[in-house]
C-alpha atoms as a PDB file:
ATOM      1  CA  MET A   1       0.000   0.000   0.000  1.00  0.00           C
ATOM      2  CA  LYS A   2       2.821   2.391   0.838  1.00  0.00           C
ATOM      3  CA  LEU A   3       5.011   1.397  -2.110  1.00  0.00           C
ATOM      4  CA  PRO A   4       2.868   3.109  -4.823  1.00  0.00           C
ATOM      5  CA  PHE A   5       2.745   6.252  -2.683  1.00  0.00           C
ATOM      6  CA  LEU A   6       6.535   6.196  -2.256  1.00  0.00           C
ATOM      7  CA  ILE A   7       7.102   5.753  -5.984  1.00  0.00           C
ATOM      8  CA  LEU A   8       4.648   8.527  -6.787  1.00  0.00           C
ATOM      9  CA  SER A   9       6.260  10.927  -4.317  1.00  0.00           C
ATOM     10  CA  LEU A  10       9.747  10.207  -5.698  1.00  0.00           C
ATOM     11  CA  CYS A  11       8.527  10.941  -9.218  1.00  0.00           C
ATOM     12  CA  ALA A  12       7.172  14.293  -8.103  1.00  0.00           C
ATOM     13  CA  VAL A  13      10.595  15.347  -6.772  1.00  0.00           C
ATOM     14  CA  VAL A  14      12.556  14.627  -9.951  1.00  0.00           C
ATOM     15  CA  PRO A  15      13.078  17.897 -11.861  1.00  0.00           C
ATOM     16  CA  ALA A  16      11.813  17.991 -15.422  1.00  0.00           C
ATOM     17  CA  HIS A  17      14.146  19.055 -18.182  1.00  0.00           C
ATOM     18  CA  ALA A  18      13.427  19.390 -21.872  1.00  0.00           C
ATOM     19  CA  ASP A  19      15.444  20.754 -24.747  1.00  0.00           C
ATOM     20  CA  ILE A  20      14.070  23.913 -26.327  1.00  0.00           C
ATOM     21  CA  TYR A  21      14.321  24.556 -30.054  1.00  0.00           C
ATOM     22  CA  LYS A  22      13.934  27.852 -31.911  1.00  0.00           C
ATOM     23  CA  HIS A  23      12.690  27.759 -35.496  1.00  0.00           C
ATOM     24  CA  ILE A  24      12.340  30.749 -37.839  1.00  0.00           C
ATOM     25  CA  ASP A  25      10.237  30.028 -40.915  1.00  0.00           C
ATOM     26  CA  ALA A  26      10.466  31.675 -44.358  1.00  0.00           C
ATOM     27  CA  SER A  27       8.123  34.507 -43.367  1.00  0.00           C
ATOM     28  CA  GLY A  28      10.196  35.312 -40.272  1.00  0.00           C
ATOM     29  CA  GLN A  29       7.778  33.778 -37.765  1.00  0.00           C
ATOM     30  CA  VAL A  30       9.645  32.557 -34.685  1.00  0.00           C
ATOM     31  CA  THR A  31       8.462  29.349 -33.043  1.00  0.00           C
ATOM     32  CA  TYR A  32       9.782  27.760 -29.859  1.00  0.00           C
ATOM     33  CA  THR A  33       9.169  24.081 -29.316  1.00  0.00           C
ATOM     34  CA  ASP A  34      10.335  21.118 -27.270  1.00  0.00           C
ATOM     35  CA  ARG A  35      10.539  18.929 -30.396  1.00  0.00           C
ATOM     36  CA  PRO A  36      13.365  19.069 -32.923  1.00  0.00           C
ATOM     37  CA  VAL A  37      12.174  20.578 -36.195  1.00  0.00           C
ATOM     38  CA  LYS A  38      14.136  20.684 -39.452  1.00  0.00           C
ATOM     39  CA  GLY A  39      16.096  23.945 -39.499  1.00  0.00           C
ATOM     40  CA  ALA A  40      15.521  24.649 -35.799  1.00  0.00           C
ATOM     41  CA  LYS A  41      18.384  25.438 -33.465  1.00  0.00           C
ATOM     42  CA  ARG A  42      18.650  23.907 -30.022  1.00  0.00           C
ATOM     43  CA  LEU A  43      18.899  26.624 -27.385  1.00  0.00           C
ATOM     44  CA  ASP A  44      21.404  26.266 -24.591  1.00  0.00           C
ATOM     45  CA  LEU A  45      19.600  27.749 -21.611  1.00  0.00           C
ATOM     46  CA  GLY A  46      22.273  26.855 -19.102  1.00  0.00           C
ATOM     47  CA  PRO A  47      21.595  25.156 -15.813  1.00  0.00           C
ATOM     48  CA  VAL A  48      18.021  24.859 -14.646  1.00  0.00           C
ATOM     49  CA  ALA A  49      17.265  26.715 -11.414  1.00  0.00           C
ATOM     50  CA  THR A  50      16.083  24.340  -8.744  1.00  0.00           C
ATOM     51  CA  PRO A  51      14.527  25.084  -5.381  1.00  0.00           C
ATOM     52  CA  MET A  52      17.081  25.858  -2.700  1.00  0.00           C
ATOM     53  CA  VAL A  53      17.411  23.361   0.128  1.00  0.00           C
ATOM     54  CA  ARG A  54      18.316  24.794   3.490  1.00  0.00           C
ATOM     55  CA  SER A  55      21.725  23.815   4.626  1.00  0.00           C
ATOM     56  CA  GLY A  56      23.666  24.417   7.787  1.00  0.00           C
ATOM     57  CA  ASN A  57      26.646  25.602   5.735  1.00  0.00           C
ATOM     58  CA  ALA A  58      26.267  29.381   5.248  1.00  0.00           C
ATOM     59  CA  ALA A  59      29.150  29.657   2.759  1.00  0.00           C
ATOM     60  CA  GLU A  60      27.644  26.991   0.508  1.00  0.00           C
ATOM     61  CA  SER A  61      24.244  28.659   0.765  1.00  0.00           C
ATOM     62  CA  ALA A  62      25.700  32.068  -0.169  1.00  0.00           C
ATOM     63  CA  HIS A  63      27.527  30.539  -3.159  1.00  0.00           C
ATOM     64  CA  ARG A  64      24.325  28.906  -4.452  1.00  0.00           C
ATOM     65  CA  LYS A  65      22.379  32.164  -4.040  1.00  0.00           C
ATOM     66  CA  ALA A  66      25.061  34.165  -5.861  1.00  0.00           C
ATOM     67  CA  SER A  67      25.134  31.706  -8.745  1.00  0.00           C
ATOM     68  CA  VAL A  68      21.347  31.983  -9.173  1.00  0.00           C
ATOM     69  CA  ASP A  69      21.142  35.792  -8.795  1.00  0.00           C
ATOM     70  CA  THR A  70      23.969  36.849 -11.134  1.00  0.00           C
ATOM     71  CA  THR A  71      23.225  38.306 -14.545  1.00  0.00           C
ATOM     72  CA  PRO A  72      24.649  36.254 -17.406  1.00  0.00           C
ATOM     73  CA  SER A  73      27.510  37.870 -19.304  1.00  0.00           C
ATOM     74  CA  SER A  74      25.544  37.469 -22.550  1.00  0.00           C
ATOM     75  CA  PHE A  75      22.661  39.567 -21.162  1.00  0.00           C
ATOM     76  CA  PRO A  76      22.313  42.769 -23.225  1.00  0.00           C
ATOM     77  CA  ARG A  77      23.583  45.903 -21.493  1.00  0.00           C
ATOM     78  CA  VAL A  78      22.156  49.388 -22.027  1.00  0.00           C
ATOM     79  CA  ASP A  79      24.503  52.332 -22.333  1.00  0.00           C
ATOM     80  CA  ALA A  80      24.101  54.848 -19.461  1.00  0.00           C
ATOM     81  CA  GLY A  81      23.373  57.674 -21.918  1.00  0.00           C
ATOM     82  CA  VAL A  82      20.661  55.662 -23.661  1.00  0.00           C
ATOM     83  CA  GLN A  83      19.113  54.789 -20.302  1.00  0.00           C
ATOM     84  CA  ARG A  84      19.155  58.484 -19.269  1.00  0.00           C
ATOM     85  CA  GLN A  85      17.333  59.350 -22.510  1.00  0.00           C
ATOM     86  CA  ARG A  86      14.755  56.639 -21.858  1.00  0.00           C
ATOM     87  CA  ASP A  87      14.281  57.875 -18.280  1.00  0.00           C
ATOM     88  CA  ASN A  88      13.853  61.454 -19.524  1.00  0.00           C
ATOM     89  CA  VAL A  89      11.237  60.371 -22.063  1.00  0.00           C
ATOM     90  CA  ARG A  90       9.454  58.370 -19.381  1.00  0.00           C
ATOM     91  CA  ARG A  91       9.546  61.330 -16.979  1.00  0.00           C
ATOM     92  CA  ASN A  92       8.153  63.674 -19.667  1.00  0.00           C
ATOM     93  CA  VAL A  93       5.332  61.266 -20.503  1.00  0.00           C
ATOM     94  CA  LEU A  94       4.456  60.858 -16.828  1.00  0.00           C
ATOM     95  CA  GLU A  95       4.543  64.636 -16.254  1.00  0.00           C
ATOM     96  CA  ASP A  96       2.254  65.184 -19.261  1.00  0.00           C
ATOM     97  CA  GLU A  97      -0.127  62.537 -17.934  1.00  0.00           C
ATOM     98  CA  LEU A  98      -0.015  64.139 -14.485  1.00  0.00           C
ATOM     99  CA  HIS A  99      -0.863  67.544 -15.964  1.00  0.00           C
ATOM    100  CA  THR A 100      -3.744  66.001 -17.940  1.00  0.00           C
ATOM    101  CA  GLU A 101      -5.089  64.240 -14.831  1.00  0.00           C
ATOM    102  CA  GLU A 102      -4.819  67.416 -12.726  1.00  0.00           C
ATOM    103  CA  GLN A 103      -6.830  69.296 -15.359  1.00  0.00           C
ATOM    104  CA  ALA A 104      -9.350  66.457 -15.504  1.00  0.00           C
ATOM    105  CA  LEU A 105      -9.661  66.607 -11.702  1.00  0.00           C
ATOM    106  CA  THR A 106     -10.321  70.350 -11.844  1.00  0.00           C
ATOM    107  CA  ASP A 107     -12.999  69.738 -14.485  1.00  0.00           C
ATOM    108  CA  ALA A 108     -14.506  66.907 -12.411  1.00  0.00           C
ATOM    109  CA  VAL A 109     -14.713  69.121  -9.305  1.00  0.00           C
ATOM    110  CA  THR A 110     -16.425  71.844 -11.366  1.00  0.00           C
ATOM    111  CA  ALA A 111     -18.840  69.270 -12.799  1.00  0.00           C
ATOM    112  CA  ARG A 112     -19.584  68.068  -9.254  1.00  0.00           C
ATOM    113  CA  LYS A 113     -20.454  71.609  -8.151  1.00  0.00           C
ATOM    114  CA  ASP A 114     -22.680  72.026 -11.206  1.00  0.00           C
ATOM    115  CA  GLY A 115     -24.241  68.613 -10.549  1.00  0.00           C
ATOM    116  CA  GLU A 116     -25.323  69.681  -7.062  1.00  0.00           C
ATOM    117  CA  THR A 117     -27.864  72.026  -8.610  1.00  0.00           C
ATOM    118  CA  LEU A 118     -31.302  70.505  -8.323  1.00  0.00           C
ATOM    119  CA  ARG A 119     -33.163  70.014 -11.575  1.00  0.00           C
ATOM    120  CA  PRO A 120     -36.859  70.930 -11.872  1.00  0.00           C
ATOM    121  CA  GLY A 121     -38.971  68.528  -9.824  1.00  0.00           C
ATOM    122  CA  GLU A 122     -35.883  66.966  -8.220  1.00  0.00           C
ATOM    123  CA  LYS A 123     -35.268  66.587  -4.475  1.00  0.00           C
ATOM    124  CA  VAL A 124     -32.029  65.992  -2.572  1.00  0.00           C
ATOM    125  CA  SER A 125     -33.348  62.555  -1.610  1.00  0.00           C
ATOM    126  CA  SER A 126     -34.343  61.511  -5.132  1.00  0.00           C
ATOM    127  CA  PRO A 127     -32.518  58.450  -6.528  1.00  0.00           C
ATOM    128  CA  ALA A 128     -31.563  60.256  -9.766  1.00  0.00           C
ATOM    129  CA  TYR A 129     -29.917  63.115  -7.838  1.00  0.00           C
ATOM    130  CA  ILE A 130     -28.042  60.720  -5.532  1.00  0.00           C
ATOM    131  CA  ALA A 131     -26.909  58.554  -8.479  1.00  0.00           C
ATOM    132  CA  ARG A 132     -25.701  61.637 -10.378  1.00  0.00           C
ATOM    133  CA  LEU A 133     -23.633  62.855  -7.409  1.00  0.00           C
ATOM    134  CA  ASP A 134     -22.246  59.352  -6.779  1.00  0.00           C
ATOM    135  CA  LYS A 135     -21.105  59.157 -10.396  1.00  0.00           C
ATOM    136  CA  LEU A 136     -19.484  62.594 -10.168  1.00  0.00           C
ATOM    137  CA  ASP A 137     -17.814  61.674  -6.857  1.00  0.00           C
ATOM    138  CA  SER A 138     -16.444  58.443  -8.307  1.00  0.00           C
ATOM    139  CA  ASN A 139     -15.043  60.403 -11.247  1.00  0.00           C
ATOM    140  CA  ILE A 140     -13.250  62.748  -8.815  1.00  0.00           C
ATOM    141  CA  LYS A 141     -11.890  59.752  -6.885  1.00  0.00           C
ATOM    142  CA  LEU A 142     -10.656  58.154 -10.109  1.00  0.00           C
ATOM    143  CA  HIS A 143      -8.673  61.272 -11.054  1.00  0.00           C
ATOM    144  CA  ARG A 144      -7.248  61.645  -7.520  1.00  0.00           C
ATOM    145  CA  ASP A 145      -6.152  58.002  -7.544  1.00  0.00           C
ATOM    146  CA  ASN A 146      -4.547  58.476 -10.971  1.00  0.00           C
ATOM    147  CA  ILE A 147      -2.711  61.577  -9.757  1.00  0.00           C
ATOM    148  CA  ASN A 148      -1.397  59.715  -6.703  1.00  0.00           C
ATOM    149  CA  ALA A 149      -0.249  56.793  -8.857  1.00  0.00           C
ATOM    150  CA  LEU A 150       1.490  59.116 -11.328  1.00  0.00           C
ATOM    151  CA  ARG A 151       3.241  61.016  -8.516  1.00  0.00           C
ATOM    152  CA  LYS A 152       4.411  57.745  -7.024  1.00  0.00           C
ATOM    153  CA  GLU A 153       5.693  56.578 -10.401  1.00  0.00           C
ATOM    154  CA  LEU A 154       7.436  59.921 -10.979  1.00  0.00           C
ATOM    155  CA  SER A 155       9.193  59.628  -7.621  1.00  0.00           C
ATOM    156  CA  SER A 156      10.755  56.352  -8.759  1.00  0.00           C
ATOM    157  CA  VAL A 157      12.099  57.740 -12.052  1.00  0.00           C
ATOM    158  CA  LYS A 158      15.816  58.443 -11.866  1.00  0.00           C
END
């Protein structure tokens, strides 16, 4: 009774590994597959990351962590000047969006004030009046939330 369970549990622990192939057809379409295809190139993905097992040896643990966290030497690098340009473009886009949202908030607050005016035959307790103000309030909240998110994003731009 315990033997099938033991075999099943051992199978679950064995890491799976498959070769990956990259194929580019005549029209330039790239396809990745686990089956060899004529004209496809086998990709060398390096060692497969496996779950870390706690060990009493701190030096060994640190070495394993460093080997998993390091960036491969073949990883593309971005020139500092190019990255500064990208950051500047990103900052400008975010600042434009922030300005647009601040204007939209001003318009939403004005619309809310205008929406408070009772229409003929309308009462403060009428469902239409309450629904109109709720919609206007939610619009104001949306723009305030967007402004907060944009400010937070801008604070993280270098």
